[in-house]
Amino acid sequence: MRLTAHTDYALRVLIYAAVEPASLCTIERISEAYGISRNHLMKVVQRLGDYGFLETVRGRGGGLKLAMPASKICVGDVVRKMEDDLAQAECFRPEQNSCVITSACGLKHALSTALEAYLDALDQFTLADVTRNRKALSRLLDLDPAA
């Protein structure tokens, strides 16, 4: 299973916000910390806000923060919402499927089972779980004033 860059960046934005929960984060700072295009992050942040993971504040002094505690944000939920297409093969898209062996092939079932196991595993983790080492994350993201 492979995540798109969009989902990868979404998880990184959420991690950044979880490491600094007491203050508003800016797209500019997140962009600098990760070396990711500001324009791309704007799209990611917009979607995270639309899905209720982030709260955004516009204007001077604005920024973003988690819309709920990190312990309430399930990694599996983020992946499901941010990934536009979890179909792993042509046979997952009936309207575009031209594979001649679909009716007899067991691969779709095998791939479906693998995808379900993958998402079930991600459901076992919250944002709080993946940001437990906040001190090191803060230092690596240049958020630690003592760094």
N, C-alpha and C. Protein backbone atom coordinates (compact mmCIF):
# COMPACT_ATOMS: atom_id res chain seq x y z
N MET A 1 0.85 -1.17 0.00
CA MET A 1 0.00 0.00 0.00
C MET A 1 0.90 1.24 0.00
N ARG A 2 0.54 2.19 -0.80
CA ARG A 2 1.34 3.39 -0.90
C ARG A 2 0.44 4.61 -0.82
N LEU A 3 0.84 5.57 -0.01
CA LEU A 3 0.08 6.80 0.13
C LEU A 3 0.49 7.80 -0.94
N THR A 4 -0.45 8.61 -1.37
CA THR A 4 -0.11 9.70 -2.28
C THR A 4 0.65 10.76 -1.48
N ALA A 5 1.35 11.63 -2.19
CA ALA A 5 2.06 12.74 -1.54
C ALA A 5 1.06 13.61 -0.77
N HIS A 6 -0.13 13.77 -1.31
CA HIS A 6 -1.16 14.60 -0.67
C HIS A 6 -1.48 14.06 0.74
N THR A 7 -1.65 12.76 0.87
CA THR A 7 -1.95 12.16 2.16
C THR A 7 -0.74 12.19 3.07
N ASP A 8 0.43 11.95 2.53
CA ASP A 8 1.67 12.04 3.30
C ASP A 8 1.80 13.45 3.89
N TYR A 9 1.59 14.46 3.08
CA TYR A 9 1.69 15.84 3.55
C TYR A 9 0.61 16.15 4.58
N ALA A 10 -0.57 15.60 4.39
CA ALA A 10 -1.65 15.82 5.36
C ALA A 10 -1.25 15.27 6.72
N LEU A 11 -0.70 14.08 6.73
CA LEU A 11 -0.26 13.50 8.00
C LEU A 11 0.86 14.33 8.62
N ARG A 12 1.76 14.84 7.81
CA ARG A 12 2.84 15.68 8.33
C ARG A 12 2.31 16.98 8.92
N VAL A 13 1.33 17.59 8.26
CA VAL A 13 0.71 18.82 8.79
C VAL A 13 0.07 18.52 10.14
N LEU A 14 -0.65 17.43 10.24
CA LEU A 14 -1.29 17.07 11.49
C LEU A 14 -0.26 16.79 12.59
N ILE A 15 0.82 16.14 12.23
CA ILE A 15 1.89 15.88 13.20
C ILE A 15 2.48 17.20 13.69
N TYR A 16 2.75 18.11 12.78
CA TYR A 16 3.29 19.42 13.15
C TYR A 16 2.35 20.12 14.11
N ALA A 17 1.07 20.14 13.78
CA ALA A 17 0.08 20.80 14.64
C ALA A 17 -0.04 20.11 16.00
N ALA A 18 0.12 18.80 16.02
CA ALA A 18 0.02 18.06 17.28
C ALA A 18 1.22 18.31 18.19
N VAL A 19 2.36 18.56 17.59
CA VAL A 19 3.57 18.83 18.37
C VAL A 19 3.49 20.22 19.02
N GLU A 20 2.77 21.13 18.40
CA GLU A 20 2.61 22.51 18.88
C GLU A 20 1.14 22.82 19.14
N PRO A 21 0.46 22.06 20.03
CA PRO A 21 -0.98 22.23 20.18
C PRO A 21 -1.42 23.55 20.82
N ALA A 22 -0.53 24.20 21.54
CA ALA A 22 -0.93 25.41 22.27
C ALA A 22 -0.91 26.68 21.42
N SER A 23 -0.34 26.60 20.22
CA SER A 23 -0.26 27.81 19.41
C SER A 23 -0.71 27.53 17.98
N LEU A 24 -1.05 28.61 17.29
CA LEU A 24 -1.41 28.49 15.87
C LEU A 24 -0.15 28.24 15.04
N CYS A 25 -0.25 27.34 14.11
CA CYS A 25 0.84 27.06 13.17
C CYS A 25 0.53 27.80 11.88
N THR A 26 1.56 28.10 11.11
CA THR A 26 1.33 28.71 9.81
C THR A 26 1.80 27.77 8.71
N ILE A 27 1.17 27.91 7.58
CA ILE A 27 1.57 27.12 6.41
C ILE A 27 3.02 27.43 6.06
N GLU A 28 3.40 28.67 6.19
CA GLU A 28 4.78 29.07 5.89
C GLU A 28 5.79 28.31 6.74
N ARG A 29 5.53 28.23 8.05
CA ARG A 29 6.45 27.51 8.95
C ARG A 29 6.46 26.01 8.65
N ILE A 30 5.30 25.46 8.38
CA ILE A 30 5.23 24.03 8.06
C ILE A 30 5.96 23.76 6.76
N SER A 31 5.78 24.63 5.78
CA SER A 31 6.47 24.51 4.50
C SER A 31 7.98 24.52 4.69
N GLU A 32 8.46 25.44 5.50
CA GLU A 32 9.90 25.54 5.77
C GLU A 32 10.42 24.31 6.52
N ALA A 33 9.66 23.86 7.50
CA ALA A 33 10.10 22.72 8.32
C ALA A 33 10.25 21.44 7.50
N TYR A 34 9.34 21.22 6.56
CA TYR A 34 9.36 19.99 5.78
C TYR A 34 9.96 20.15 4.38
N GLY A 35 10.18 21.39 3.95
CA GLY A 35 10.67 21.59 2.59
C GLY A 35 9.63 21.23 1.55
N ILE A 36 8.38 21.54 1.85
CA ILE A 36 7.26 21.24 0.96
C ILE A 36 6.70 22.55 0.40
N SER A 37 6.28 22.54 -0.84
CA SER A 37 5.70 23.71 -1.48
C SER A 37 4.56 24.30 -0.67
N ARG A 38 4.61 25.59 -0.46
CA ARG A 38 3.56 26.31 0.28
C ARG A 38 2.21 26.15 -0.43
N ASN A 39 2.21 26.27 -1.76
CA ASN A 39 0.96 26.15 -2.53
C ASN A 39 0.34 24.77 -2.36
N HIS A 40 1.18 23.74 -2.38
CA HIS A 40 0.66 22.39 -2.19
C HIS A 40 0.08 22.24 -0.80
N LEU A 41 0.77 22.78 0.20
CA LEU A 41 0.27 22.68 1.57
C LEU A 41 -1.05 23.42 1.76
N MET A 42 -1.24 24.50 1.04
CA MET A 42 -2.50 25.23 1.15
C MET A 42 -3.68 24.34 0.76
N LYS A 43 -3.50 23.55 -0.29
CA LYS A 43 -4.55 22.61 -0.73
C LYS A 43 -4.79 21.52 0.32
N VAL A 44 -3.70 21.03 0.87
CA VAL A 44 -3.80 19.98 1.89
C VAL A 44 -4.52 20.50 3.12
N VAL A 45 -4.12 21.69 3.58
CA VAL A 45 -4.73 22.29 4.77
C VAL A 45 -6.21 22.56 4.54
N GLN A 46 -6.55 23.01 3.34
CA GLN A 46 -7.96 23.26 3.01
C GLN A 46 -8.79 21.99 3.20
N ARG A 47 -8.30 20.89 2.66
CA ARG A 47 -9.03 19.62 2.78
C ARG A 47 -9.09 19.14 4.22
N LEU A 48 -7.99 19.28 4.94
CA LEU A 48 -7.99 18.87 6.35
C LEU A 48 -9.02 19.68 7.14
N GLY A 49 -9.14 20.95 6.80
CA GLY A 49 -10.15 21.80 7.43
C GLY A 49 -11.55 21.37 7.05
N ASP A 50 -11.75 21.08 5.76
CA ASP A 50 -13.06 20.65 5.28
C ASP A 50 -13.51 19.36 5.98
N TYR A 51 -12.56 18.48 6.26
CA TYR A 51 -12.89 17.20 6.90
C TYR A 51 -12.96 17.31 8.42
N GLY A 52 -12.67 18.48 8.97
CA GLY A 52 -12.80 18.68 10.41
C GLY A 52 -11.60 18.29 11.24
N PHE A 53 -10.47 18.03 10.59
CA PHE A 53 -9.26 17.71 11.34
C PHE A 53 -8.53 18.96 11.83
N LEU A 54 -8.63 20.04 11.05
CA LEU A 54 -7.98 21.30 11.40
C LEU A 54 -9.00 22.41 11.53
N GLU A 55 -8.65 23.35 12.35
CA GLU A 55 -9.40 24.60 12.46
C GLU A 55 -8.47 25.67 11.91
N THR A 56 -8.96 26.46 10.99
CA THR A 56 -8.13 27.50 10.39
C THR A 56 -8.64 28.88 10.79
N VAL A 57 -7.69 29.78 11.02
CA VAL A 57 -7.99 31.16 11.39
C VAL A 57 -7.38 32.04 10.31
N ARG A 58 -8.22 32.80 9.63
CA ARG A 58 -7.75 33.66 8.54
C ARG A 58 -7.27 35.00 9.07
N GLY A 59 -6.53 35.69 8.21
CA GLY A 59 -6.12 37.05 8.50
C GLY A 59 -4.81 37.15 9.25
N ARG A 60 -4.48 38.39 9.56
CA ARG A 60 -3.23 38.67 10.27
C ARG A 60 -3.25 37.96 11.63
N GLY A 61 -2.17 37.29 11.92
CA GLY A 61 -2.10 36.53 13.16
C GLY A 61 -2.83 35.20 13.09
N GLY A 62 -3.29 34.84 11.90
CA GLY A 62 -4.02 33.59 11.73
C GLY A 62 -3.09 32.40 11.63
N GLY A 63 -3.69 31.28 11.37
CA GLY A 63 -2.93 30.05 11.24
C GLY A 63 -3.86 28.86 11.33
N LEU A 64 -3.34 27.78 11.82
CA LEU A 64 -4.13 26.56 11.93
C LEU A 64 -3.78 25.82 13.20
N LYS A 65 -4.73 25.02 13.64
CA LYS A 65 -4.51 24.16 14.80
C LYS A 65 -5.43 22.96 14.67
N LEU A 66 -5.16 21.96 15.47
CA LEU A 66 -6.01 20.78 15.45
C LEU A 66 -7.42 21.17 15.88
N ALA A 67 -8.41 20.60 15.23
CA ALA A 67 -9.80 20.89 15.55
C ALA A 67 -10.31 20.03 16.71
N MET A 68 -9.51 19.06 17.11
CA MET A 68 -9.87 18.16 18.21
C MET A 68 -8.58 17.63 18.81
N PRO A 69 -8.64 17.03 19.97
CA PRO A 69 -7.42 16.47 20.55
C PRO A 69 -6.79 15.42 19.63
N ALA A 70 -5.47 15.36 19.66
CA ALA A 70 -4.74 14.40 18.82
C ALA A 70 -5.19 12.97 19.10
N SER A 71 -5.62 12.70 20.30
CA SER A 71 -6.07 11.36 20.68
C SER A 71 -7.39 10.98 19.99
N LYS A 72 -8.07 11.94 19.40
CA LYS A 72 -9.35 11.69 18.72
C LYS A 72 -9.18 11.60 17.21
N ILE A 73 -7.97 11.83 16.71
CA ILE A 73 -7.73 11.78 15.26
C ILE A 73 -7.09 10.44 14.92
N CYS A 74 -7.86 9.61 14.23
CA CYS A 74 -7.42 8.27 13.85
C CYS A 74 -6.67 8.34 12.52
N VAL A 75 -5.49 7.75 12.49
CA VAL A 75 -4.67 7.76 11.27
C VAL A 75 -5.44 7.12 10.11
N GLY A 76 -6.15 6.04 10.37
CA GLY A 76 -6.93 5.38 9.32
C GLY A 76 -7.99 6.30 8.74
N ASP A 77 -8.65 7.10 9.58
CA ASP A 77 -9.65 8.04 9.09
C ASP A 77 -9.03 9.08 8.17
N VAL A 78 -7.87 9.58 8.56
CA VAL A 78 -7.19 10.58 7.74
C VAL A 78 -6.85 9.99 6.38
N VAL A 79 -6.31 8.80 6.36
CA VAL A 79 -5.94 8.15 5.10
C VAL A 79 -7.18 7.92 4.23
N ARG A 80 -8.25 7.42 4.80
CA ARG A 80 -9.47 7.17 4.02
C ARG A 80 -10.01 8.46 3.39
N LYS A 81 -9.96 9.55 4.13
CA LYS A 81 -10.51 10.80 3.63
C LYS A 81 -9.58 11.50 2.64
N MET A 82 -8.30 11.40 2.84
CA MET A 82 -7.36 12.14 1.99
C MET A 82 -7.03 11.39 0.70
N GLU A 83 -7.11 10.09 0.71
CA GLU A 83 -6.83 9.31 -0.50
C GLU A 83 -8.04 9.37 -1.41
N ASP A 84 -7.87 9.88 -2.60
CA ASP A 84 -8.98 9.99 -3.54
C ASP A 84 -9.37 8.64 -4.13
N ASP A 85 -8.43 7.72 -4.17
CA ASP A 85 -8.70 6.46 -4.85
C ASP A 85 -7.92 5.34 -4.17
N LEU A 86 -8.62 4.49 -3.46
CA LEU A 86 -7.97 3.34 -2.83
C LEU A 86 -8.06 2.09 -3.70
N ALA A 87 -8.62 2.23 -4.89
CA ALA A 87 -8.70 1.09 -5.82
C ALA A 87 -7.28 0.69 -6.21
N GLN A 88 -7.00 -0.58 -6.06
CA GLN A 88 -5.64 -1.06 -6.29
C GLN A 88 -5.40 -1.64 -7.67
N ALA A 89 -6.46 -1.92 -8.37
CA ALA A 89 -6.33 -2.49 -9.70
C ALA A 89 -7.56 -2.11 -10.52
N GLU A 90 -7.47 -2.34 -11.79
CA GLU A 90 -8.56 -1.99 -12.71
C GLU A 90 -9.88 -2.63 -12.32
N CYS A 91 -9.83 -3.83 -11.79
CA CYS A 91 -11.07 -4.55 -11.46
C CYS A 91 -11.85 -3.91 -10.31
N PHE A 92 -11.25 -2.98 -9.60
CA PHE A 92 -11.95 -2.25 -8.54
C PHE A 92 -12.84 -1.14 -9.11
N ARG A 93 -12.67 -0.85 -10.39
CA ARG A 93 -13.43 0.22 -11.06
C ARG A 93 -14.29 -0.41 -12.16
N PRO A 94 -15.47 -0.87 -11.83
CA PRO A 94 -16.30 -1.57 -12.81
C PRO A 94 -16.53 -0.79 -14.10
N GLU A 95 -16.71 0.53 -14.01
CA GLU A 95 -16.98 1.34 -15.20
C GLU A 95 -15.75 1.48 -16.11
N GLN A 96 -14.57 1.17 -15.59
CA GLN A 96 -13.34 1.29 -16.39
C GLN A 96 -12.64 -0.05 -16.55
N ASN A 97 -13.25 -1.10 -16.12
CA ASN A 97 -12.62 -2.41 -16.13
C ASN A 97 -12.74 -3.08 -17.49
N SER A 98 -11.60 -3.33 -18.11
CA SER A 98 -11.60 -4.06 -19.38
C SER A 98 -10.84 -5.39 -19.26
N CYS A 99 -10.55 -5.76 -18.03
CA CYS A 99 -9.81 -7.00 -17.80
C CYS A 99 -10.71 -8.20 -18.10
N VAL A 100 -10.26 -9.07 -18.97
CA VAL A 100 -11.09 -10.19 -19.43
C VAL A 100 -11.22 -11.32 -18.41
N ILE A 101 -10.37 -11.36 -17.40
CA ILE A 101 -10.43 -12.46 -16.44
C ILE A 101 -11.13 -12.09 -15.13
N THR A 102 -11.69 -10.90 -15.04
CA THR A 102 -12.28 -10.41 -13.79
C THR A 102 -13.29 -11.39 -13.19
N SER A 103 -14.16 -11.96 -13.99
CA SER A 103 -15.23 -12.82 -13.46
C SER A 103 -14.70 -14.09 -12.80
N ALA A 104 -13.51 -14.55 -13.16
CA ALA A 104 -12.97 -15.79 -12.60
C ALA A 104 -11.75 -15.56 -11.70
N CYS A 105 -11.25 -14.37 -11.68
CA CYS A 105 -10.00 -14.07 -10.97
C CYS A 105 -10.23 -13.83 -9.48
N GLY A 106 -9.35 -14.33 -8.65
CA GLY A 106 -9.45 -14.14 -7.21
C GLY A 106 -8.56 -13.02 -6.69
N LEU A 107 -7.88 -12.34 -7.59
CA LEU A 107 -6.96 -11.28 -7.16
C LEU A 107 -7.68 -10.13 -6.48
N LYS A 108 -8.85 -9.76 -6.99
CA LYS A 108 -9.58 -8.65 -6.40
C LYS A 108 -9.89 -8.93 -4.93
N HIS A 109 -10.30 -10.16 -4.62
CA HIS A 109 -10.59 -10.52 -3.24
C HIS A 109 -9.31 -10.45 -2.39
N ALA A 110 -8.21 -10.94 -2.92
CA ALA A 110 -6.95 -10.90 -2.19
C ALA A 110 -6.52 -9.46 -1.91
N LEU A 111 -6.62 -8.61 -2.92
CA LEU A 111 -6.25 -7.20 -2.75
C LEU A 111 -7.20 -6.48 -1.79
N SER A 112 -8.48 -6.79 -1.87
CA SER A 112 -9.46 -6.20 -0.95
C SER A 112 -9.16 -6.58 0.49
N THR A 113 -8.81 -7.84 0.69
CA THR A 113 -8.47 -8.32 2.03
C THR A 113 -7.21 -7.61 2.54
N ALA A 114 -6.23 -7.44 1.68
CA ALA A 114 -5.00 -6.74 2.07
C ALA A 114 -5.28 -5.28 2.40
N LEU A 115 -6.09 -4.61 1.60
CA LEU A 115 -6.43 -3.21 1.85
C LEU A 115 -7.17 -3.07 3.18
N GLU A 116 -8.10 -3.96 3.43
CA GLU A 116 -8.86 -3.93 4.68
C GLU A 116 -7.92 -4.12 5.88
N ALA A 117 -6.97 -5.03 5.77
CA ALA A 117 -6.01 -5.26 6.86
C ALA A 117 -5.12 -4.03 7.07
N TYR A 118 -4.71 -3.41 5.98
CA TYR A 118 -3.88 -2.20 6.02
C TYR A 118 -4.62 -1.07 6.75
N LEU A 119 -5.87 -0.83 6.36
CA LEU A 119 -6.65 0.23 7.00
C LEU A 119 -6.99 -0.12 8.44
N ASP A 120 -7.26 -1.39 8.71
CA ASP A 120 -7.51 -1.82 10.09
C ASP A 120 -6.28 -1.56 10.97
N ALA A 121 -5.10 -1.80 10.42
CA ALA A 121 -3.86 -1.54 11.17
C ALA A 121 -3.72 -0.05 11.45
N LEU A 122 -3.99 0.79 10.46
CA LEU A 122 -3.90 2.24 10.66
C LEU A 122 -4.93 2.74 11.66
N ASP A 123 -6.07 2.05 11.74
CA ASP A 123 -7.11 2.42 12.70
C ASP A 123 -6.66 2.21 14.15
N GLN A 124 -5.61 1.47 14.34
CA GLN A 124 -5.11 1.20 15.70
C GLN A 124 -4.29 2.37 16.25
N PHE A 125 -4.02 3.37 15.40
CA PHE A 125 -3.16 4.48 15.81
C PHE A 125 -3.88 5.81 15.71
N THR A 126 -3.66 6.64 16.71
CA THR A 126 -4.16 8.01 16.67
C THR A 126 -2.98 8.95 16.43
N LEU A 127 -3.31 10.19 16.18
CA LEU A 127 -2.27 11.20 16.02
C LEU A 127 -1.44 11.30 17.30
N ALA A 128 -2.08 11.14 18.44
CA ALA A 128 -1.35 11.17 19.72
C ALA A 128 -0.33 10.04 19.78
N ASP A 129 -0.68 8.87 19.27
CA ASP A 129 0.24 7.73 19.27
C ASP A 129 1.48 8.01 18.44
N VAL A 130 1.29 8.61 17.28
CA VAL A 130 2.44 8.81 16.38
C VAL A 130 3.25 10.07 16.71
N THR A 131 2.78 10.82 17.71
CA THR A 131 3.54 12.01 18.14
C THR A 131 3.96 11.91 19.60
N ARG A 132 4.08 10.70 20.09
CA ARG A 132 4.48 10.50 21.50
C ARG A 132 5.85 11.11 21.80
N ASN A 133 6.75 11.05 20.87
CA ASN A 133 8.10 11.57 21.08
C ASN A 133 8.13 13.06 20.69
N ARG A 134 7.30 13.84 21.36
CA ARG A 134 7.13 15.25 21.00
C ARG A 134 8.41 16.06 21.14
N LYS A 135 9.22 15.75 22.11
CA LYS A 135 10.46 16.51 22.31
C LYS A 135 11.37 16.37 21.09
N ALA A 136 11.57 15.16 20.63
CA ALA A 136 12.42 14.94 19.45
C ALA A 136 11.78 15.52 18.20
N LEU A 137 10.47 15.34 18.04
CA LEU A 137 9.78 15.91 16.88
C LEU A 137 9.89 17.42 16.89
N SER A 138 9.72 18.02 18.04
CA SER A 138 9.81 19.47 18.15
C SER A 138 11.19 19.96 17.73
N ARG A 139 12.21 19.25 18.17
CA ARG A 139 13.59 19.62 17.83
C ARG A 139 13.82 19.47 16.32
N LEU A 140 13.36 18.37 15.75
CA LEU A 140 13.55 18.12 14.32
C LEU A 140 12.78 19.09 13.44
N LEU A 141 11.65 19.57 13.95
CA LEU A 141 10.83 20.52 13.19
C LEU A 141 11.22 21.97 13.50
N ASP A 142 12.28 22.12 14.27
CA ASP A 142 12.79 23.45 14.64
C ASP A 142 11.75 24.24 15.43
N LEU A 143 11.02 23.55 16.30
CA LEU A 143 10.03 24.19 17.14
C LEU A 143 10.55 24.38 18.56
N ASP A 144 11.64 23.71 18.88
CA ASP A 144 12.20 23.74 20.22
C ASP A 144 13.03 25.01 20.38
N PRO A 145 12.62 25.92 21.25
CA PRO A 145 13.38 27.16 21.43
C PRO A 145 14.79 26.93 21.90
N ALA A 146 15.06 25.79 22.54
CA ALA A 146 16.41 25.51 23.03
C ALA A 146 17.28 24.84 21.98
N ALA A 147 16.70 24.54 20.82
CA ALA A 147 17.46 23.80 19.79
C ALA A 147 18.52 24.66 19.14
